């Protein structure tokens, strides 16, 4: 790759990533001011990531603009750390999301989930009392369960619906309990449960209680987290490939800058 070509590419790639980093920071700040505490927890790492990307992009941009071998060395070292970090996180993400899947229930289109199916890491995070209290509060605030009766006007609609893992696990008792559904958000609890599952006793029709303390709810959250982690992991694979190409071009730019400095000397 030519002397001018590699530095030109690195310069404009980093200029674009600077703009994207600014957009990430602005979006993170907007979220911190317009969302509740549940979504606010995502803003600090988002703003931090945006700031870190911006910092690295500035170094790469200036290094390519000035054809500074030292700045490009610093840029490549930091980019290498990012590549290693992405690789480690992606491998771990695929490992912890390898277990766990839904169980089909006769007469229902949605699946139910069992906590013991998931990886020990997920179980440790979800069974932590502090973590679950926070997650439980978020579930109550989200009102996903309270609006089910508005989404599904009849029992037929409800039973034929493809509920999300959280709706299936947190908004009603496990099907094995045998409680008759009156509507999408209310069950007749006068019937004696036909299962010894402790979730059958924990479920209440109250909006603030539902099945939020059930293992089935925790399993639904674990499935949601697994899906999210898989999406992030797949995105990271694509990001790793793109950054690897940028790293290769950056190496060419650094060598070009070094040769340029030697020729001037």
C-alpha atoms as a PDB file:
ATOM      1  CA  UNK A   1       0.000   0.000   0.000  1.00  0.00           C
ATOM      2  CA  UNK A   2       1.390   3.413  -0.963  1.00  0.00           C
ATOM      3  CA  UNK A   3       2.649   6.024   1.489  1.00  0.00           C
ATOM      4  CA  UNK A   4      -0.160   8.457   0.804  1.00  0.00           C
ATOM      5  CA  UNK A   5      -2.908   5.890   0.376  1.00  0.00           C
ATOM      6  CA  UNK A   6      -2.662   4.255   3.823  1.00  0.00           C
ATOM      7  CA  UNK A   7      -2.418   7.561   5.705  1.00  0.00           C
ATOM      8  CA  UNK A   8      -5.315   8.991   3.685  1.00  0.00           C
ATOM      9  CA  UNK A   9      -7.519   5.983   4.529  1.00  0.00           C
ATOM     10  CA  UNK A  10      -6.597   6.016   8.233  1.00  0.00           C
ATOM     11  CA  UNK A  11      -7.172   9.773   8.415  1.00  0.00           C
ATOM     12  CA  UNK A  12     -10.693   9.635   7.016  1.00  0.00           C
ATOM     13  CA  UNK A  13     -11.680   6.427   8.796  1.00  0.00           C
ATOM     14  CA  UNK A  14     -10.780   8.031  12.124  1.00  0.00           C
ATOM     15  CA  UNK A  15     -12.537  11.264  11.188  1.00  0.00           C
ATOM     16  CA  UNK A  16     -15.736   9.267  10.590  1.00  0.00           C
ATOM     17  CA  UNK A  17     -15.317   7.275  13.826  1.00  0.00           C
ATOM     18  CA  UNK A  18     -14.839  10.576  15.716  1.00  0.00           C
ATOM     19  CA  UNK A  19     -18.237  11.718  14.442  1.00  0.00           C
ATOM     20  CA  UNK A  20     -19.793   8.349  15.352  1.00  0.00           C
ATOM     21  CA  UNK A  21     -18.232   8.520  18.835  1.00  0.00           C
ATOM     22  CA  UNK A  22     -19.697  11.983  19.366  1.00  0.00           C
ATOM     23  CA  UNK A  23     -23.105  10.615  18.318  1.00  0.00           C
ATOM     24  CA  UNK A  24     -22.750   7.751  20.843  1.00  0.00           C
ATOM     25  CA  UNK A  25     -21.847  10.195  23.638  1.00  0.00           C
ATOM     26  CA  UNK A  26     -24.763  12.501  22.789  1.00  0.00           C
ATOM     27  CA  UNK A  27     -27.183   9.561  22.653  1.00  0.00           C
ATOM     28  CA  UNK A  28     -25.900   8.312  26.020  1.00  0.00           C
ATOM     29  CA  UNK A  29     -26.391  11.744  27.590  1.00  0.00           C
ATOM     30  CA  UNK A  30     -29.881  11.951  26.091  1.00  0.00           C
ATOM     31  CA  UNK A  31     -30.760   8.542  27.585  1.00  0.00           C
ATOM     32  CA  UNK A  32     -29.508   9.623  31.018  1.00  0.00           C
ATOM     33  CA  UNK A  33     -31.895  12.594  30.962  1.00  0.00           C
ATOM     34  CA  UNK A  34     -34.973  10.981  29.408  1.00  0.00           C
ATOM     35  CA  UNK A  35     -35.160   7.415  30.750  1.00  0.00           C
ATOM     36  CA  UNK A  36     -35.756   5.743  34.079  1.00  0.00           C
ATOM     37  CA  UNK A  37     -33.111   4.193  36.324  1.00  0.00           C
ATOM     38  CA  UNK A  38     -33.299   0.847  34.533  1.00  0.00           C
ATOM     39  CA  UNK A  39     -32.158   2.217  31.220  1.00  0.00           C
ATOM     40  CA  UNK A  40     -29.875   4.752  32.881  1.00  0.00           C
ATOM     41  CA  UNK A  41     -27.628   1.876  33.913  1.00  0.00           C
ATOM     42  CA  UNK A  42     -26.656   1.548  30.241  1.00  0.00           C
ATOM     43  CA  UNK A  43     -25.655   5.187  29.821  1.00  0.00           C
ATOM     44  CA  UNK A  44     -22.364   5.181  31.769  1.00  0.00           C
ATOM     45  CA  UNK A  45     -20.728   2.381  29.719  1.00  0.00           C
ATOM     46  CA  UNK A  46     -22.196   3.897  26.539  1.00  0.00           C
ATOM     47  CA  UNK A  47     -20.735   7.349  27.242  1.00  0.00           C
ATOM     48  CA  UNK A  48     -17.458   5.753  28.362  1.00  0.00           C
ATOM     49  CA  UNK A  49     -17.215   3.687  25.174  1.00  0.00           C
ATOM     50  CA  UNK A  50     -17.960   6.739  23.038  1.00  0.00           C
ATOM     51  CA  UNK A  51     -15.304   8.797  24.834  1.00  0.00           C
ATOM     52  CA  UNK A  52     -12.701   6.016  24.474  1.00  0.00           C
ATOM     53  CA  UNK A  53     -13.408   5.586  20.754  1.00  0.00           C
ATOM     54  CA  UNK A  54     -13.223   9.364  20.286  1.00  0.00           C
ATOM     55  CA  UNK A  55      -9.862   9.534  22.099  1.00  0.00           C
ATOM     56  CA  UNK A  56      -8.339   6.740  20.001  1.00  0.00           C
ATOM     57  CA  UNK A  57      -9.763   8.215  16.779  1.00  0.00           C
ATOM     58  CA  UNK A  58      -8.214  11.612  17.552  1.00  0.00           C
ATOM     59  CA  UNK A  59      -4.801   9.996  18.056  1.00  0.00           C
ATOM     60  CA  UNK A  60      -5.148   8.030  14.805  1.00  0.00           C
ATOM     61  CA  UNK A  61      -6.386  11.072  12.872  1.00  0.00           C
ATOM     62  CA  UNK A  62      -3.597  13.365  14.057  1.00  0.00           C
ATOM     63  CA  UNK A  63      -1.012  10.627  13.581  1.00  0.00           C
ATOM     64  CA  UNK A  64      -2.106  10.080   9.974  1.00  0.00           C
ATOM     65  CA  UNK A  65      -2.450  13.829   9.313  1.00  0.00           C
ATOM     66  CA  UNK A  66       1.029  14.617  10.635  1.00  0.00           C
ATOM     67  CA  UNK A  67       2.429  11.270   9.499  1.00  0.00           C
ATOM     68  CA  UNK A  68       3.762  10.844  13.036  1.00  0.00           C
ATOM     69  CA  UNK A  69       5.225   7.401  13.635  1.00  0.00           C
ATOM     70  CA  UNK A  70       4.987   7.785  17.429  1.00  0.00           C
ATOM     71  CA  UNK A  71       1.291   8.733  17.435  1.00  0.00           C
ATOM     72  CA  UNK A  72       0.491   5.906  15.046  1.00  0.00           C
ATOM     73  CA  UNK A  73       2.388   3.490  17.314  1.00  0.00           C
ATOM     74  CA  UNK A  74       0.229   4.617  20.266  1.00  0.00           C
ATOM     75  CA  UNK A  75      -2.880   4.322  18.089  1.00  0.00           C
ATOM     76  CA  UNK A  76      -2.004   0.781  16.997  1.00  0.00           C
ATOM     77  CA  UNK A  77      -1.199  -0.366  20.556  1.00  0.00           C
ATOM     78  CA  UNK A  78      -4.539   0.935  21.853  1.00  0.00           C
ATOM     79  CA  UNK A  79      -6.362  -0.574  18.879  1.00  0.00           C
ATOM     80  CA  UNK A  80      -4.628  -3.893  19.582  1.00  0.00           C
ATOM     81  CA  UNK A  81      -5.940  -3.825  23.170  1.00  0.00           C
ATOM     82  CA  UNK A  82      -9.444  -3.200  21.829  1.00  0.00           C
ATOM     83  CA  UNK A  83      -9.152  -6.139  19.420  1.00  0.00           C
ATOM     84  CA  UNK A  84      -7.977  -8.463  22.199  1.00  0.00           C
ATOM     85  CA  UNK A  85     -10.767  -7.233  24.489  1.00  0.00           C
ATOM     86  CA  UNK A  86     -13.432  -7.759  21.802  1.00  0.00           C
ATOM     87  CA  UNK A  87     -12.088 -11.243  21.050  1.00  0.00           C
ATOM     88  CA  UNK A  88     -12.118 -12.301  24.725  1.00  0.00           C
ATOM     89  CA  UNK A  89     -15.595 -10.861  25.345  1.00  0.00           C
ATOM     90  CA  UNK A  90     -17.003 -12.488  22.194  1.00  0.00           C
ATOM     91  CA  UNK A  91     -15.641 -15.932  23.066  1.00  0.00           C
ATOM     92  CA  UNK A  92     -17.003 -15.664  26.619  1.00  0.00           C
ATOM     93  CA  UNK A  93     -20.362 -14.424  25.296  1.00  0.00           C
ATOM     94  CA  UNK A  94     -20.733 -17.470  23.049  1.00  0.00           C
ATOM     95  CA  UNK A  95     -19.725 -19.778  25.918  1.00  0.00           C
ATOM     96  CA  UNK A  96     -22.209 -18.401  28.484  1.00  0.00           C
ATOM     97  CA  UNK A  97     -25.040 -18.275  25.932  1.00  0.00           C
ATOM     98  CA  UNK A  98     -24.494 -21.826  24.699  1.00  0.00           C
ATOM     99  CA  UNK A  99     -27.004 -23.344  27.171  1.00  0.00           C
ATOM    100  CA  UNK A 100     -30.696 -22.689  27.669  1.00  0.00           C
ATOM    101  CA  UNK A 101     -33.710 -22.947  25.412  1.00  0.00           C
ATOM    102  CA  UNK A 102     -37.457 -22.849  25.711  1.00  0.00           C
ATOM    103  CA  UNK A 103     -39.759 -25.807  26.317  1.00  0.00           C
ATOM    104  CA  UNK A 104     -42.851 -26.219  24.166  1.00  0.00           C
ATOM    105  CA  UNK A 105     -46.200 -26.491  25.965  1.00  0.00           C
ATOM    106  CA  UNK A 106     -49.186 -28.333  24.513  1.00  0.00           C
ATOM    107  CA  UNK A 107     -51.930 -25.957  23.443  1.00  0.00           C
ATOM    108  CA  UNK A 108     -49.710 -22.843  23.604  1.00  0.00           C
ATOM    109  CA  UNK A 109     -47.690 -21.155  20.878  1.00  0.00           C
ATOM    110  CA  UNK A 110     -45.158 -19.622  23.238  1.00  0.00           C
ATOM    111  CA  UNK A 111     -42.421 -21.464  25.107  1.00  0.00           C
ATOM    112  CA  UNK A 112     -41.706 -21.660  28.819  1.00  0.00           C
ATOM    113  CA  UNK A 113     -38.240 -21.487  30.321  1.00  0.00           C
ATOM    114  CA  UNK A 114     -36.510 -23.249  33.206  1.00  0.00           C
ATOM    115  CA  UNK A 115     -33.759 -21.594  35.224  1.00  0.00           C
ATOM    116  CA  UNK A 116     -31.568 -24.671  35.572  1.00  0.00           C
ATOM    117  CA  UNK A 117     -31.104 -24.817  31.789  1.00  0.00           C
ATOM    118  CA  UNK A 118     -28.842 -21.766  31.744  1.00  0.00           C
ATOM    119  CA  UNK A 119     -25.119 -21.357  32.358  1.00  0.00           C
ATOM    120  CA  UNK A 120     -23.767 -21.013  35.895  1.00  0.00           C
ATOM    121  CA  UNK A 121     -22.682 -17.425  35.120  1.00  0.00           C
ATOM    122  CA  UNK A 122     -26.250 -16.385  34.287  1.00  0.00           C
ATOM    123  CA  UNK A 123     -27.541 -18.185  37.381  1.00  0.00           C
ATOM    124  CA  UNK A 124     -25.023 -16.398  39.596  1.00  0.00           C
ATOM    125  CA  UNK A 125     -25.952 -12.975  38.202  1.00  0.00           C
ATOM    126  CA  UNK A 126     -29.703 -13.495  38.374  1.00  0.00           C
ATOM    127  CA  UNK A 127     -29.780 -15.224  41.780  1.00  0.00           C
ATOM    128  CA  UNK A 128     -27.794 -12.382  43.325  1.00  0.00           C
ATOM    129  CA  UNK A 129     -30.374 -10.686  45.565  1.00  0.00           C
ATOM    130  CA  UNK A 130     -29.154  -7.151  44.827  1.00  0.00           C
ATOM    131  CA  UNK A 131     -29.194  -7.721  41.050  1.00  0.00           C
ATOM    132  CA  UNK A 132     -32.631  -9.322  41.123  1.00  0.00           C
ATOM    133  CA  UNK A 133     -34.173  -6.556  43.240  1.00  0.00           C
ATOM    134  CA  UNK A 134     -33.047  -4.065  40.615  1.00  0.00           C
ATOM    135  CA  UNK A 135     -34.281  -6.233  37.733  1.00  0.00           C
ATOM    136  CA  UNK A 136     -37.556  -6.905  39.528  1.00  0.00           C
ATOM    137  CA  UNK A 137     -38.160  -3.176  39.972  1.00  0.00           C
ATOM    138  CA  UNK A 138     -37.523  -2.648  36.268  1.00  0.00           C
ATOM    139  CA  UNK A 139     -39.986  -5.393  35.348  1.00  0.00           C
ATOM    140  CA  UNK A 140     -42.719  -3.852  37.501  1.00  0.00           C
ATOM    141  CA  UNK A 141     -42.100  -0.393  36.018  1.00  0.00           C
ATOM    142  CA  UNK A 142     -42.121  -1.711  32.461  1.00  0.00           C
ATOM    143  CA  UNK A 143     -45.819  -2.723  32.765  1.00  0.00           C
ATOM    144  CA  UNK A 144     -45.273  -5.512  30.224  1.00  0.00           C
ATOM    145  CA  UNK A 145     -47.610  -7.732  32.225  1.00  0.00           C
ATOM    146  CA  UNK A 146     -50.343  -5.190  32.933  1.00  0.00           C
ATOM    147  CA  UNK A 147     -50.905  -4.437  29.243  1.00  0.00           C
ATOM    148  CA  UNK A 148     -51.329  -8.081  28.191  1.00  0.00           C
ATOM    149  CA  UNK A 149     -55.090  -7.919  28.699  1.00  0.00           C
ATOM    150  CA  UNK A 150     -55.179  -4.895  26.366  1.00  0.00           C
ATOM    151  CA  UNK A 151     -53.050  -6.618  23.713  1.00  0.00           C
ATOM    152  CA  UNK A 152     -55.070  -9.835  23.826  1.00  0.00           C
ATOM    153  CA  UNK A 153     -58.787  -9.237  24.272  1.00  0.00           C
ATOM    154  CA  UNK A 154     -59.809 -12.903  24.395  1.00  0.00           C
ATOM    155  CA  UNK A 155     -58.358 -16.077  25.883  1.00  0.00           C
ATOM    156  CA  UNK A 156     -58.066 -17.548  22.401  1.00  0.00           C
ATOM    157  CA  UNK A 157     -55.906 -14.640  21.281  1.00  0.00           C
ATOM    158  CA  UNK A 158     -53.790 -14.939  24.419  1.00  0.00           C
ATOM    159  CA  UNK A 159     -53.171 -18.681  24.106  1.00  0.00           C
ATOM    160  CA  UNK A 160     -52.317 -18.378  20.419  1.00  0.00           C
ATOM    161  CA  UNK A 161     -49.920 -15.446  21.001  1.00  0.00           C
ATOM    162  CA  UNK A 162     -46.151 -15.778  20.790  1.00  0.00           C
ATOM    163  CA  UNK A 163     -45.243 -14.236  24.130  1.00  0.00           C
ATOM    164  CA  UNK A 164     -41.762 -12.958  24.821  1.00  0.00           C
ATOM    165  CA  UNK A 165     -39.661 -14.918  27.359  1.00  0.00           C
ATOM    166  CA  UNK A 166     -40.325 -12.257  29.999  1.00  0.00           C
ATOM    167  CA  UNK A 167     -44.072 -12.199  29.315  1.00  0.00           C
ATOM    168  CA  UNK A 168     -44.223 -15.993  29.438  1.00  0.00           C
ATOM    169  CA  UNK A 169     -42.142 -16.322  32.603  1.00  0.00           C
ATOM    170  CA  UNK A 170     -43.101 -13.270  34.663  1.00  0.00           C
ATOM    171  CA  UNK A 171     -46.699 -12.429  33.801  1.00  0.00           C
ATOM    172  CA  UNK A 172     -48.389 -15.718  34.652  1.00  0.00           C
ATOM    173  CA  UNK A 173     -47.850 -18.941  36.579  1.00  0.00           C
ATOM    174  CA  UNK A 174     -46.161 -21.907  34.846  1.00  0.00           C
ATOM    175  CA  UNK A 175     -48.658 -23.934  32.821  1.00  0.00           C
ATOM    176  CA  UNK A 176     -47.921 -26.992  34.979  1.00  0.00           C
ATOM    177  CA  UNK A 177     -49.699 -25.267  37.899  1.00  0.00           C
ATOM    178  CA  UNK A 178     -53.019 -25.779  36.136  1.00  0.00           C
ATOM    179  CA  UNK A 179     -54.595 -22.453  37.137  1.00  0.00           C
ATOM    180  CA  UNK A 180     -57.417 -21.543  34.720  1.00  0.00           C
ATOM    181  CA  UNK A 181     -56.811 -18.235  32.945  1.00  0.00           C
ATOM    182  CA  UNK A 182     -59.676 -15.753  33.244  1.00  0.00           C
ATOM    183  CA  UNK A 183     -57.985 -13.336  30.855  1.00  0.00           C
ATOM    184  CA  UNK A 184     -54.447 -12.529  29.728  1.00  0.00           C
ATOM    185  CA  UNK A 185     -53.455 -11.010  33.065  1.00  0.00           C
ATOM    186  CA  UNK A 186     -55.697 -12.764  35.602  1.00  0.00           C
ATOM    187  CA  UNK A 187     -55.841 -16.391  36.801  1.00  0.00           C
ATOM    188  CA  UNK A 188     -58.321 -18.182  39.025  1.00  0.00           C
ATOM    189  CA  UNK A 189     -56.194 -19.013  42.072  1.00  0.00           C
ATOM    190  CA  UNK A 190     -59.022 -20.747  43.946  1.00  0.00           C
ATOM    191  CA  UNK A 191     -58.020 -23.966  42.163  1.00  0.00           C
ATOM    192  CA  UNK A 192     -55.481 -26.129  43.957  1.00  0.00           C
ATOM    193  CA  UNK A 193     -52.251 -26.312  41.901  1.00  0.00           C
ATOM    194  CA  UNK A 194     -51.624 -29.698  40.358  1.00  0.00           C
ATOM    195  CA  UNK A 195     -47.841 -29.223  40.534  1.00  0.00           C
ATOM    196  CA  UNK A 196     -45.434 -29.000  43.479  1.00  0.00           C
ATOM    197  CA  UNK A 197     -43.505 -26.245  41.703  1.00  0.00           C
ATOM    198  CA  UNK A 198     -42.939 -23.448  44.249  1.00  0.00           C
ATOM    199  CA  UNK A 199     -43.712 -20.875  41.538  1.00  0.00           C
ATOM    200  CA  UNK A 200     -47.370 -21.934  41.751  1.00  0.00           C
ATOM    201  CA  UNK A 201     -47.565 -20.549  45.296  1.00  0.00           C
ATOM    202  CA  UNK A 202     -45.503 -17.469  44.552  1.00  0.00           C
ATOM    203  CA  UNK A 203     -47.742 -16.243  41.727  1.00  0.00           C
ATOM    204  CA  UNK A 204     -50.333 -13.560  42.584  1.00  0.00           C
ATOM    205  CA  UNK A 205     -52.637 -11.573  40.324  1.00  0.00           C
ATOM    206  CA  UNK A 206     -51.444  -8.279  41.827  1.00  0.00           C
ATOM    207  CA  UNK A 207     -49.647  -6.043  39.330  1.00  0.00           C
ATOM    208  CA  UNK A 208     -46.791  -5.524  41.784  1.00  0.00           C
ATOM    209  CA  UNK A 209     -46.306  -9.253  42.469  1.00  0.00           C
ATOM    210  CA  UNK A 210     -47.352 -11.427  39.486  1.00  0.00           C
ATOM    211  CA  UNK A 211     -44.621 -14.073  39.142  1.00  0.00           C
ATOM    212  CA  UNK A 212     -41.716 -11.636  39.582  1.00  0.00           C
ATOM    213  CA  UNK A 213     -40.222 -13.750  42.386  1.00  0.00           C
ATOM    214  CA  UNK A 214     -40.577 -17.011  40.446  1.00  0.00           C
ATOM    215  CA  UNK A 215     -37.763 -19.032  38.959  1.00  0.00           C
ATOM    216  CA  UNK A 216     -39.751 -19.028  35.715  1.00  0.00           C
ATOM    217  CA  UNK A 217     -39.455 -15.224  35.625  1.00  0.00           C
ATOM    218  CA  UNK A 218     -35.722 -15.394  36.263  1.00  0.00           C
ATOM    219  CA  UNK A 219     -35.473 -17.951  33.460  1.00  0.00           C
ATOM    220  CA  UNK A 220     -37.383 -15.604  31.135  1.00  0.00           C
ATOM    221  CA  UNK A 221     -34.953 -12.796  31.975  1.00  0.00           C
ATOM    222  CA  UNK A 222     -32.025 -15.191  31.414  1.00  0.00           C
ATOM    223  CA  UNK A 223     -33.393 -16.063  27.960  1.00  0.00           C
ATOM    224  CA  UNK A 224     -33.803 -12.366  27.162  1.00  0.00           C
ATOM    225  CA  UNK A 225     -30.217 -11.708  28.300  1.00  0.00           C
ATOM    226  CA  UNK A 226     -28.982 -14.679  26.282  1.00  0.00           C
ATOM    227  CA  UNK A 227     -30.620 -13.323  23.119  1.00  0.00           C
ATOM    228  CA  UNK A 228     -29.196  -9.853  23.717  1.00  0.00           C
ATOM    229  CA  UNK A 229     -25.724 -11.242  24.371  1.00  0.00           C
ATOM    230  CA  UNK A 230     -25.873 -13.330  21.198  1.00  0.00           C
ATOM    231  CA  UNK A 231     -26.743 -10.227  19.158  1.00  0.00           C
ATOM    232  CA  UNK A 232     -23.855  -8.322  20.765  1.00  0.00           C
ATOM    233  CA  UNK A 233     -21.491 -11.252  20.167  1.00  0.00           C
ATOM    234  CA  UNK A 234     -22.416 -11.456  16.466  1.00  0.00           C
ATOM    235  CA  UNK A 235     -22.006  -7.676  16.162  1.00  0.00           C
ATOM    236  CA  UNK A 236     -18.596  -7.981  17.838  1.00  0.00           C
ATOM    237  CA  UNK A 237     -17.489 -10.567  15.266  1.00  0.00           C
ATOM    238  CA  UNK A 238     -18.263  -8.077  12.481  1.00  0.00           C
ATOM    239  CA  UNK A 239     -16.618  -5.255  14.462  1.00  0.00           C
ATOM    240  CA  UNK A 240     -13.518  -7.398  15.033  1.00  0.00           C
ATOM    241  CA  UNK A 241     -13.153  -8.031  11.302  1.00  0.00           C
ATOM    242  CA  UNK A 242     -13.556  -4.332  10.450  1.00  0.00           C
ATOM    243  CA  UNK A 243     -11.084  -3.228  13.144  1.00  0.00           C
ATOM    244  CA  UNK A 244      -8.622  -5.889  12.000  1.00  0.00           C
ATOM    245  CA  UNK A 245      -8.653  -4.352   8.503  1.00  0.00           C
ATOM    246  CA  UNK A 246      -8.213  -0.877  10.023  1.00  0.00           C
ATOM    247  CA  UNK A 247      -5.344  -2.240  12.122  1.00  0.00           C
ATOM    248  CA  UNK A 248      -3.661  -3.620   8.994  1.00  0.00           C
ATOM    249  CA  UNK A 249      -4.030  -0.279   7.187  1.00  0.00           C
ATOM    250  CA  UNK A 250      -2.750   1.481  10.321  1.00  0.00           C
ATOM    251  CA  UNK A 251       0.366  -0.711  10.296  1.00  0.00           C
ATOM    252  CA  UNK A 252       0.973   0.306   6.684  1.00  0.00           C
ATOM    253  CA  UNK A 253       0.477   3.975   7.600  1.00  0.00           C
ATOM    254  CA  UNK A 254       2.919   3.692  10.523  1.00  0.00           C
ATOM    255  CA  UNK A 255       5.589   2.078   8.331  1.00  0.00           C
ATOM    256  CA  UNK A 256       5.034   4.765   5.702  1.00  0.00           C
ATOM    257  CA  UNK A 257       5.343   7.507   8.325  1.00  0.00           C
ATOM    258  CA  UNK A 258       8.520   5.917   9.714  1.00  0.00           C
ATOM    259  CA  UNK A 259      10.078   5.732   6.227  1.00  0.00           C
ATOM    260  CA  UNK A 260       9.030   9.331   5.588  1.00  0.00           C
ATOM    261  CA  UNK A 261      10.712  10.517   8.800  1.00  0.00           C
ATOM    262  CA  UNK A 262      13.906   8.553   7.996  1.00  0.00           C
ATOM    263  CA  UNK A 263      14.076  10.059   4.493  1.00  0.00           C
ATOM    264  CA  UNK A 264      13.782  13.573   5.931  1.00  0.00           C
ATOM    265  CA  UNK A 265      16.520  12.795   8.436  1.00  0.00           C
END
